[in-house]
Amino acid sequence: MSEDNDCVVEDQRTIEERYRDSYKATRQQRKVVEGDEIQSVKPLDSVPEIRDGSWTNGVLAWVRGGTSTDFEVIGWWVVPRKRQKNTSRKYRVKKTQSPLDKMKEDYSKSENRISRQKRQENRAKKSIRILRSSGYSMAEALMITRGQMGLDRKPINPTDGEEE
């Protein structure tokens, strides 16, 4: 374990310099300590300098200096902490059935099944909708779906299988 730490390069910059050089400086305003808020500020040394793994960013606490551009870091408003790993597992639904049992249950449900007649009616409605959007009248669309008229608007004469 100590061999791993030998190859880690320690950052010599102060916390203020790191904050100024990071992209967070443009995103977040400085949280300035005023009045009695100083009791709620945590010390800077409460967080290790070299952090392994994933940590939250935290919010630095600043105090104003003598001039309007003079600021100094005195601690943390929100201390960086280790991120919680694998918290999404807590909220997943527990599986109580095997996939095969679930398939059997879905197959046995009668509400999902549609009778043959209902399927034919649905197909007829869909084809009538398509024919009506193509410019056929309702009577023509009904006759085409029943097989009494062709798409060329000529009637089809039923034959008994005999050809003339």
N, C-alpha and C. Protein backbone atom coordinates (compact mmCIF):
# COMPACT_ATOMS: atom_id res chain seq x y z
N MET A 1 0.83 -1.19 0.00
CA MET A 1 0.00 0.00 0.00
C MET A 1 0.86 1.25 0.00
N SER A 2 1.99 1.22 0.73
CA SER A 2 2.85 2.39 0.78
C SER A 2 3.54 2.61 -0.57
N GLU A 3 3.74 1.53 -1.35
CA GLU A 3 4.35 1.67 -2.67
C GLU A 3 3.44 2.46 -3.60
N ASP A 4 2.12 2.30 -3.45
CA ASP A 4 1.17 3.03 -4.29
C ASP A 4 1.23 4.53 -4.02
N ASN A 5 1.42 4.90 -2.77
CA ASN A 5 1.44 6.31 -2.40
C ASN A 5 2.73 7.00 -2.84
N ASP A 6 3.79 6.22 -3.09
CA ASP A 6 5.05 6.83 -3.51
C ASP A 6 4.93 7.45 -4.90
N CYS A 7 4.10 6.87 -5.76
CA CYS A 7 3.99 7.38 -7.11
C CYS A 7 2.96 8.50 -7.23
N VAL A 8 2.24 8.83 -6.16
CA VAL A 8 1.26 9.91 -6.19
C VAL A 8 1.98 11.24 -6.07
N VAL A 9 1.71 12.14 -7.02
CA VAL A 9 2.34 13.45 -7.00
C VAL A 9 1.47 14.37 -6.15
N GLU A 10 2.07 14.95 -5.12
CA GLU A 10 1.32 15.82 -4.23
C GLU A 10 1.24 17.22 -4.83
N ASP A 11 0.06 17.80 -4.78
CA ASP A 11 -0.16 19.13 -5.33
C ASP A 11 0.35 20.17 -4.33
N GLN A 12 1.25 21.03 -4.75
CA GLN A 12 1.87 22.00 -3.86
C GLN A 12 1.05 23.29 -3.75
N ARG A 13 0.01 23.44 -4.58
CA ARG A 13 -0.78 24.67 -4.55
C ARG A 13 -1.67 24.72 -3.31
N THR A 14 -2.03 25.92 -2.92
CA THR A 14 -2.94 26.08 -1.78
C THR A 14 -4.37 25.80 -2.25
N ILE A 15 -5.28 25.71 -1.31
CA ILE A 15 -6.67 25.45 -1.65
C ILE A 15 -7.25 26.59 -2.48
N GLU A 16 -6.87 27.82 -2.14
CA GLU A 16 -7.35 28.97 -2.91
C GLU A 16 -6.92 28.88 -4.37
N GLU A 17 -5.66 28.50 -4.61
CA GLU A 17 -5.15 28.41 -5.98
C GLU A 17 -5.84 27.28 -6.74
N ARG A 18 -6.04 26.17 -6.07
CA ARG A 18 -6.73 25.05 -6.73
C ARG A 18 -8.15 25.44 -7.10
N TYR A 19 -8.83 26.13 -6.20
CA TYR A 19 -10.20 26.55 -6.45
C TYR A 19 -10.24 27.55 -7.60
N ARG A 20 -9.30 28.48 -7.63
CA ARG A 20 -9.24 29.49 -8.68
C ARG A 20 -8.95 28.85 -10.04
N ASP A 21 -8.11 27.80 -10.07
CA ASP A 21 -7.73 27.16 -11.31
C ASP A 21 -8.78 26.16 -11.81
N SER A 22 -9.72 25.79 -10.97
CA SER A 22 -10.69 24.77 -11.38
C SER A 22 -11.85 25.40 -12.13
N TYR A 23 -12.62 24.57 -12.80
CA TYR A 23 -13.78 25.07 -13.55
C TYR A 23 -14.90 25.49 -12.60
N LYS A 24 -14.85 25.03 -11.34
CA LYS A 24 -15.91 25.37 -10.38
C LYS A 24 -15.92 26.85 -10.04
N ALA A 25 -14.78 27.51 -10.15
CA ALA A 25 -14.70 28.92 -9.77
C ALA A 25 -15.64 29.76 -10.63
N THR A 26 -15.82 29.39 -11.87
CA THR A 26 -16.72 30.14 -12.74
C THR A 26 -18.17 29.74 -12.51
N ARG A 27 -18.41 28.53 -12.05
CA ARG A 27 -19.77 28.04 -11.86
C ARG A 27 -20.38 28.53 -10.56
N GLN A 28 -19.60 28.55 -9.50
CA GLN A 28 -20.13 28.85 -8.17
C GLN A 28 -19.64 30.21 -7.70
N GLN A 29 -20.54 30.93 -7.04
CA GLN A 29 -20.14 32.18 -6.41
C GLN A 29 -19.40 31.85 -5.11
N ARG A 30 -18.58 32.76 -4.66
CA ARG A 30 -17.91 32.54 -3.38
C ARG A 30 -18.90 32.70 -2.25
N LYS A 31 -18.90 31.76 -1.33
CA LYS A 31 -19.77 31.84 -0.15
C LYS A 31 -19.00 32.56 0.94
N VAL A 32 -19.36 33.80 1.18
CA VAL A 32 -18.62 34.64 2.11
C VAL A 32 -19.25 34.53 3.50
N VAL A 33 -18.39 34.41 4.52
CA VAL A 33 -18.83 34.31 5.91
C VAL A 33 -19.09 35.72 6.45
N GLU A 34 -20.26 35.90 7.06
CA GLU A 34 -20.60 37.20 7.63
C GLU A 34 -21.22 37.00 9.01
N GLY A 35 -20.79 37.74 9.96
CA GLY A 35 -21.40 37.74 11.30
C GLY A 35 -21.20 36.45 12.06
N ASP A 36 -22.32 35.90 12.60
CA ASP A 36 -22.27 34.73 13.48
C ASP A 36 -22.17 33.41 12.71
N GLU A 37 -22.07 33.48 11.41
CA GLU A 37 -22.00 32.25 10.60
C GLU A 37 -20.67 31.52 10.75
N ILE A 38 -19.71 32.16 11.40
CA ILE A 38 -18.38 31.56 11.53
C ILE A 38 -18.41 30.25 12.33
N GLN A 39 -19.42 30.09 13.23
CA GLN A 39 -19.50 28.85 14.03
C GLN A 39 -19.86 27.65 13.16
N SER A 40 -20.58 27.89 12.05
CA SER A 40 -21.00 26.77 11.21
C SER A 40 -19.94 26.36 10.20
N VAL A 41 -18.80 27.05 10.14
CA VAL A 41 -17.74 26.73 9.19
C VAL A 41 -16.85 25.63 9.77
N LYS A 42 -16.61 24.59 8.95
CA LYS A 42 -15.74 23.48 9.38
C LYS A 42 -14.29 23.82 9.02
N PRO A 43 -13.31 23.31 9.78
CA PRO A 43 -11.91 23.64 9.49
C PRO A 43 -11.42 23.01 8.18
N LEU A 44 -10.40 23.62 7.59
CA LEU A 44 -9.86 23.12 6.31
C LEU A 44 -9.21 21.75 6.45
N ASP A 45 -8.62 21.47 7.61
CA ASP A 45 -7.91 20.21 7.77
C ASP A 45 -8.84 19.04 8.09
N SER A 46 -10.14 19.25 8.00
CA SER A 46 -11.07 18.15 8.28
C SER A 46 -11.19 17.18 7.10
N VAL A 47 -10.59 17.55 5.98
CA VAL A 47 -10.62 16.71 4.78
C VAL A 47 -9.19 16.38 4.40
N PRO A 48 -8.87 15.11 4.12
CA PRO A 48 -7.48 14.77 3.73
C PRO A 48 -7.11 15.41 2.40
N GLU A 49 -5.84 15.78 2.25
CA GLU A 49 -5.36 16.40 1.01
C GLU A 49 -5.42 15.39 -0.14
N ILE A 50 -4.93 14.18 0.08
CA ILE A 50 -4.95 13.15 -0.95
C ILE A 50 -6.16 12.26 -0.71
N ARG A 51 -7.10 12.31 -1.63
CA ARG A 51 -8.34 11.55 -1.47
C ARG A 51 -8.39 10.45 -2.51
N ASP A 52 -8.58 9.23 -2.07
CA ASP A 52 -8.73 8.12 -3.01
C ASP A 52 -10.21 7.90 -3.29
N GLY A 53 -10.52 7.45 -4.47
CA GLY A 53 -11.91 7.18 -4.82
C GLY A 53 -12.63 8.44 -5.25
N SER A 54 -13.93 8.41 -5.13
CA SER A 54 -14.78 9.49 -5.62
C SER A 54 -15.30 10.32 -4.45
N TRP A 55 -15.14 11.63 -4.53
CA TRP A 55 -15.57 12.54 -3.47
C TRP A 55 -16.47 13.63 -4.04
N THR A 56 -17.33 14.19 -3.20
CA THR A 56 -18.13 15.34 -3.61
C THR A 56 -17.24 16.58 -3.59
N ASN A 57 -17.70 17.65 -4.23
CA ASN A 57 -16.86 18.84 -4.37
C ASN A 57 -16.75 19.65 -3.09
N GLY A 58 -17.82 19.81 -2.36
CA GLY A 58 -17.79 20.65 -1.17
C GLY A 58 -17.88 22.12 -1.55
N VAL A 59 -18.13 22.97 -0.56
CA VAL A 59 -18.24 24.41 -0.79
C VAL A 59 -17.29 25.10 0.20
N LEU A 60 -16.39 25.92 -0.34
CA LEU A 60 -15.43 26.62 0.50
C LEU A 60 -16.07 27.85 1.14
N ALA A 61 -15.60 28.19 2.35
CA ALA A 61 -16.06 29.40 3.05
C ALA A 61 -14.97 30.44 2.94
N TRP A 62 -15.33 31.63 2.47
CA TRP A 62 -14.39 32.71 2.25
C TRP A 62 -14.69 33.85 3.23
N VAL A 63 -13.67 34.63 3.55
CA VAL A 63 -13.85 35.83 4.36
C VAL A 63 -13.24 37.00 3.59
N ARG A 64 -13.90 38.17 3.68
CA ARG A 64 -13.42 39.36 2.95
C ARG A 64 -12.19 39.93 3.66
N GLY A 65 -11.29 40.45 2.83
CA GLY A 65 -10.09 41.09 3.37
C GLY A 65 -10.30 42.59 3.47
N GLY A 66 -9.20 43.34 3.45
CA GLY A 66 -9.28 44.79 3.57
C GLY A 66 -9.85 45.46 2.34
N THR A 67 -9.57 44.93 1.16
CA THR A 67 -10.07 45.53 -0.07
C THR A 67 -11.21 44.68 -0.62
N SER A 68 -11.88 45.21 -1.67
CA SER A 68 -13.02 44.49 -2.22
C SER A 68 -12.61 43.26 -3.01
N THR A 69 -11.36 43.20 -3.45
CA THR A 69 -10.90 42.04 -4.23
C THR A 69 -10.10 41.07 -3.39
N ASP A 70 -9.94 41.35 -2.12
CA ASP A 70 -9.11 40.51 -1.25
C ASP A 70 -10.01 39.50 -0.52
N PHE A 71 -9.84 38.20 -0.82
CA PHE A 71 -10.59 37.13 -0.17
C PHE A 71 -9.62 36.10 0.38
N GLU A 72 -10.05 35.42 1.44
CA GLU A 72 -9.22 34.36 2.02
C GLU A 72 -10.11 33.20 2.42
N VAL A 73 -9.61 31.97 2.17
CA VAL A 73 -10.36 30.77 2.53
C VAL A 73 -10.12 30.47 4.00
N ILE A 74 -11.23 30.27 4.76
CA ILE A 74 -11.06 29.96 6.19
C ILE A 74 -11.56 28.57 6.54
N GLY A 75 -12.31 27.93 5.65
CA GLY A 75 -12.81 26.60 5.96
C GLY A 75 -13.81 26.12 4.93
N TRP A 76 -14.64 25.17 5.35
CA TRP A 76 -15.64 24.57 4.48
C TRP A 76 -17.05 24.89 4.97
N TRP A 77 -17.92 25.34 4.07
CA TRP A 77 -19.35 25.41 4.38
C TRP A 77 -19.90 23.99 4.35
N VAL A 78 -19.66 23.33 3.23
CA VAL A 78 -20.07 21.93 3.07
C VAL A 78 -18.80 21.14 2.84
N VAL A 79 -18.52 20.22 3.74
CA VAL A 79 -17.29 19.45 3.69
C VAL A 79 -17.39 18.40 2.59
N PRO A 80 -16.34 18.24 1.75
CA PRO A 80 -16.36 17.15 0.77
C PRO A 80 -16.43 15.81 1.49
N ARG A 81 -17.16 14.89 0.91
CA ARG A 81 -17.30 13.56 1.51
C ARG A 81 -17.22 12.52 0.42
N LYS A 82 -17.01 11.29 0.83
CA LYS A 82 -16.97 10.19 -0.14
C LYS A 82 -18.35 10.00 -0.73
N ARG A 83 -18.40 9.76 -2.02
CA ARG A 83 -19.68 9.51 -2.68
C ARG A 83 -20.19 8.13 -2.30
N GLN A 84 -21.52 8.02 -2.21
CA GLN A 84 -22.14 6.74 -1.91
C GLN A 84 -22.11 5.87 -3.15
N LYS A 85 -21.64 4.67 -3.03
CA LYS A 85 -21.57 3.75 -4.15
C LYS A 85 -22.75 2.79 -4.09
N ASN A 86 -23.27 2.44 -5.24
CA ASN A 86 -24.31 1.42 -5.40
C ASN A 86 -25.58 1.72 -4.60
N THR A 87 -25.94 3.00 -4.50
CA THR A 87 -27.18 3.32 -3.79
C THR A 87 -28.40 3.01 -4.64
N SER A 88 -28.23 2.91 -5.96
CA SER A 88 -29.38 2.64 -6.82
C SER A 88 -29.94 1.24 -6.59
N ARG A 89 -29.14 0.33 -6.04
CA ARG A 89 -29.62 -1.04 -5.79
C ARG A 89 -30.74 -1.06 -4.76
N LYS A 90 -30.74 -0.09 -3.85
CA LYS A 90 -31.76 -0.08 -2.81
C LYS A 90 -33.15 0.16 -3.38
N TYR A 91 -33.22 0.89 -4.49
CA TYR A 91 -34.50 1.31 -5.01
C TYR A 91 -35.05 0.41 -6.12
N ARG A 92 -34.32 -0.61 -6.49
CA ARG A 92 -34.79 -1.52 -7.52
C ARG A 92 -35.88 -2.43 -6.97
N VAL A 93 -36.75 -2.86 -7.85
CA VAL A 93 -37.83 -3.77 -7.46
C VAL A 93 -37.25 -5.16 -7.26
N LYS A 94 -37.64 -5.78 -6.18
CA LYS A 94 -37.18 -7.13 -5.91
C LYS A 94 -37.94 -8.11 -6.80
N LYS A 95 -37.23 -9.02 -7.43
CA LYS A 95 -37.86 -10.00 -8.30
C LYS A 95 -38.36 -11.16 -7.45
N THR A 96 -39.64 -11.42 -7.57
CA THR A 96 -40.22 -12.53 -6.80
C THR A 96 -40.54 -13.72 -7.69
N GLN A 97 -40.62 -13.49 -9.00
CA GLN A 97 -40.95 -14.57 -9.92
C GLN A 97 -39.80 -14.78 -10.89
N SER A 98 -39.67 -16.01 -11.35
CA SER A 98 -38.70 -16.28 -12.38
C SER A 98 -39.26 -15.78 -13.71
N PRO A 99 -38.41 -15.54 -14.69
CA PRO A 99 -38.91 -15.07 -15.99
C PRO A 99 -39.88 -16.06 -16.65
N LEU A 100 -39.64 -17.34 -16.44
CA LEU A 100 -40.53 -18.35 -17.03
C LEU A 100 -41.93 -18.27 -16.41
N ASP A 101 -41.98 -18.11 -15.07
CA ASP A 101 -43.28 -17.98 -14.41
C ASP A 101 -44.02 -16.73 -14.87
N LYS A 102 -43.28 -15.66 -15.08
CA LYS A 102 -43.90 -14.43 -15.53
C LYS A 102 -44.47 -14.59 -16.94
N MET A 103 -43.73 -15.28 -17.81
CA MET A 103 -44.22 -15.53 -19.17
C MET A 103 -45.49 -16.36 -19.15
N LYS A 104 -45.50 -17.38 -18.29
CA LYS A 104 -46.69 -18.23 -18.18
C LYS A 104 -47.89 -17.42 -17.70
N GLU A 105 -47.67 -16.56 -16.75
CA GLU A 105 -48.75 -15.73 -16.22
C GLU A 105 -49.29 -14.77 -17.28
N ASP A 106 -48.37 -14.15 -18.04
CA ASP A 106 -48.80 -13.24 -19.10
C ASP A 106 -49.58 -13.98 -20.18
N TYR A 107 -49.15 -15.19 -20.49
CA TYR A 107 -49.81 -15.96 -21.55
C TYR A 107 -51.22 -16.39 -21.12
N SER A 108 -51.38 -16.67 -19.83
CA SER A 108 -52.67 -17.17 -19.36
C SER A 108 -53.70 -16.05 -19.16
N LYS A 109 -53.27 -14.78 -19.21
CA LYS A 109 -54.21 -13.68 -19.04
C LYS A 109 -55.13 -13.62 -20.26
N SER A 110 -56.43 -13.52 -20.02
CA SER A 110 -57.39 -13.48 -21.12
C SER A 110 -57.55 -12.07 -21.68
N GLU A 111 -57.19 -11.05 -20.88
CA GLU A 111 -57.40 -9.68 -21.34
C GLU A 111 -56.46 -9.30 -22.49
N ASN A 112 -55.30 -9.98 -22.59
CA ASN A 112 -54.36 -9.67 -23.65
C ASN A 112 -54.71 -10.40 -24.95
N ARG A 113 -55.48 -11.45 -24.86
CA ARG A 113 -55.83 -12.21 -26.05
C ARG A 113 -56.97 -11.53 -26.80
N ILE A 114 -56.86 -11.55 -28.13
CA ILE A 114 -57.91 -10.99 -28.98
C ILE A 114 -58.43 -12.12 -29.85
N SER A 115 -59.74 -12.19 -29.96
CA SER A 115 -60.33 -13.26 -30.75
C SER A 115 -60.02 -13.05 -32.24
N ARG A 116 -60.20 -14.10 -33.01
CA ARG A 116 -59.93 -14.05 -34.44
C ARG A 116 -60.84 -13.03 -35.12
N GLN A 117 -62.11 -13.02 -34.71
CA GLN A 117 -63.07 -12.09 -35.29
C GLN A 117 -62.68 -10.64 -35.00
N LYS A 118 -62.24 -10.38 -33.79
CA LYS A 118 -61.83 -9.02 -33.42
C LYS A 118 -60.61 -8.58 -34.23
N ARG A 119 -59.66 -9.51 -34.45
CA ARG A 119 -58.48 -9.20 -35.27
C ARG A 119 -58.88 -8.83 -36.69
N GLN A 120 -59.84 -9.59 -37.26
CA GLN A 120 -60.30 -9.31 -38.62
C GLN A 120 -61.00 -7.95 -38.69
N GLU A 121 -61.79 -7.64 -37.66
CA GLU A 121 -62.46 -6.34 -37.63
C GLU A 121 -61.44 -5.20 -37.55
N ASN A 122 -60.41 -5.39 -36.74
CA ASN A 122 -59.37 -4.36 -36.62
C ASN A 122 -58.64 -4.16 -37.94
N ARG A 123 -58.35 -5.28 -38.64
CA ARG A 123 -57.70 -5.18 -39.95
C ARG A 123 -58.59 -4.45 -40.94
N ALA A 124 -59.90 -4.76 -40.91
CA ALA A 124 -60.84 -4.12 -41.83
C ALA A 124 -60.91 -2.61 -41.55
N LYS A 125 -60.95 -2.25 -40.27
CA LYS A 125 -60.99 -0.82 -39.93
C LYS A 125 -59.74 -0.11 -40.41
N LYS A 126 -58.59 -0.76 -40.24
CA LYS A 126 -57.33 -0.16 -40.65
C LYS A 126 -57.29 0.01 -42.17
N SER A 127 -57.75 -1.01 -42.90
CA SER A 127 -57.72 -0.92 -44.36
C SER A 127 -58.72 0.13 -44.85
N ILE A 128 -59.88 0.24 -44.19
CA ILE A 128 -60.86 1.27 -44.56
C ILE A 128 -60.26 2.65 -44.34
N ARG A 129 -59.55 2.83 -43.23
CA ARG A 129 -58.90 4.11 -42.94
C ARG A 129 -57.90 4.47 -44.04
N ILE A 130 -57.11 3.45 -44.47
CA ILE A 130 -56.12 3.69 -45.52
C ILE A 130 -56.80 4.03 -46.84
N LEU A 131 -57.87 3.28 -47.19
CA LEU A 131 -58.58 3.54 -48.44
C LEU A 131 -59.24 4.91 -48.44
N ARG A 132 -59.82 5.30 -47.30
CA ARG A 132 -60.47 6.61 -47.21
C ARG A 132 -59.45 7.74 -47.38
N SER A 133 -58.23 7.54 -46.82
CA SER A 133 -57.20 8.56 -46.98
C SER A 133 -56.66 8.60 -48.40
N SER A 134 -56.85 7.53 -49.17
CA SER A 134 -56.40 7.48 -50.56
C SER A 134 -57.42 8.11 -51.51
N GLY A 135 -58.62 8.44 -51.03
CA GLY A 135 -59.59 9.12 -51.86
C GLY A 135 -60.83 8.33 -52.19
N TYR A 136 -60.99 7.14 -51.67
CA TYR A 136 -62.18 6.33 -51.92
C TYR A 136 -63.29 6.78 -50.98
N SER A 137 -64.55 6.64 -51.43
CA SER A 137 -65.69 6.94 -50.56
C SER A 137 -65.87 5.80 -49.57
N MET A 138 -66.72 6.02 -48.57
CA MET A 138 -66.94 5.00 -47.55
C MET A 138 -67.56 3.75 -48.16
N ALA A 139 -68.51 3.93 -49.06
CA ALA A 139 -69.16 2.78 -49.71
C ALA A 139 -68.16 1.99 -50.53
N GLU A 140 -67.29 2.71 -51.28
CA GLU A 140 -66.28 2.02 -52.09
C GLU A 140 -65.29 1.28 -51.20
N ALA A 141 -64.87 1.91 -50.10
CA ALA A 141 -63.92 1.26 -49.20
C ALA A 141 -64.52 0.00 -48.60
N LEU A 142 -65.81 0.04 -48.21
CA LEU A 142 -66.46 -1.15 -47.67
C LEU A 142 -66.55 -2.26 -48.71
N MET A 143 -66.87 -1.88 -49.95
CA MET A 143 -66.98 -2.89 -51.01
C MET A 143 -65.62 -3.50 -51.34
N ILE A 144 -64.56 -2.69 -51.29
CA ILE A 144 -63.21 -3.21 -51.56
C ILE A 144 -62.79 -4.18 -50.47
N THR A 145 -63.06 -3.86 -49.20
CA THR A 145 -62.67 -4.75 -48.10
C THR A 145 -63.48 -6.04 -48.11
N ARG A 146 -64.72 -6.02 -48.64
CA ARG A 146 -65.53 -7.25 -48.72
C ARG A 146 -65.20 -8.07 -49.96
N GLY A 147 -64.40 -7.48 -50.87
CA GLY A 147 -64.05 -8.20 -52.08
C GLY A 147 -65.06 -8.04 -53.20
N GLN A 148 -65.95 -7.05 -53.13
CA GLN A 148 -66.97 -6.84 -54.15
C GLN A 148 -66.50 -5.87 -55.23
N MET A 149 -65.43 -5.13 -54.97
CA MET A 149 -64.94 -4.14 -55.93
C MET A 149 -63.43 -4.17 -55.91
N GLY A 150 -62.80 -3.92 -57.07
CA GLY A 150 -61.35 -3.85 -57.16
C GLY A 150 -60.86 -2.44 -56.89
N LEU A 151 -59.56 -2.27 -56.81
CA LEU A 151 -58.98 -0.95 -56.55
C LEU A 151 -59.16 -0.02 -57.73
N ASP A 152 -59.49 -0.58 -58.89
CA ASP A 152 -59.73 0.25 -60.07
C ASP A 152 -61.18 0.71 -60.18
N ARG A 153 -61.96 0.49 -59.13
CA ARG A 153 -63.37 0.88 -59.00
C ARG A 153 -64.29 0.10 -59.95
N LYS A 154 -63.87 -1.07 -60.39
CA LYS A 154 -64.72 -1.92 -61.22
C LYS A 154 -65.25 -3.04 -60.35
N PRO A 155 -66.55 -3.36 -60.46
CA PRO A 155 -67.10 -4.43 -59.63
C PRO A 155 -66.53 -5.79 -60.01
N ILE A 156 -66.41 -6.63 -59.01
CA ILE A 156 -65.93 -8.00 -59.21
C ILE A 156 -67.14 -8.89 -59.19
N ASN A 157 -67.34 -9.62 -60.25
CA ASN A 157 -68.48 -10.54 -60.33
C ASN A 157 -68.08 -11.86 -59.71
N PRO A 158 -68.88 -12.34 -58.75
CA PRO A 158 -68.54 -13.62 -58.12
C PRO A 158 -68.79 -14.77 -59.09
N THR A 159 -67.88 -15.69 -59.13
CA THR A 159 -68.03 -16.89 -59.97
C THR A 159 -67.98 -18.12 -59.06
N ASP A 160 -68.57 -19.16 -59.54
CA ASP A 160 -68.61 -20.41 -58.79
C ASP A 160 -67.43 -21.31 -59.12
N GLY A 161 -66.34 -20.74 -59.56
CA GLY A 161 -65.18 -21.52 -59.91
C GLY A 161 -65.19 -21.91 -61.38
N GLU A 162 -66.23 -21.47 -62.13
CA GLU A 162 -66.29 -21.79 -63.53
C GLU A 162 -65.78 -20.60 -64.33
N GLU A 163 -64.99 -20.91 -65.32
CA GLU A 163 -64.49 -19.85 -66.18
C GLU A 163 -65.17 -19.96 -67.52
N GLU A 164 -65.48 -18.83 -68.15
CA GLU A 164 -66.18 -18.86 -69.44
C GLU A 164 -65.21 -18.87 -70.57
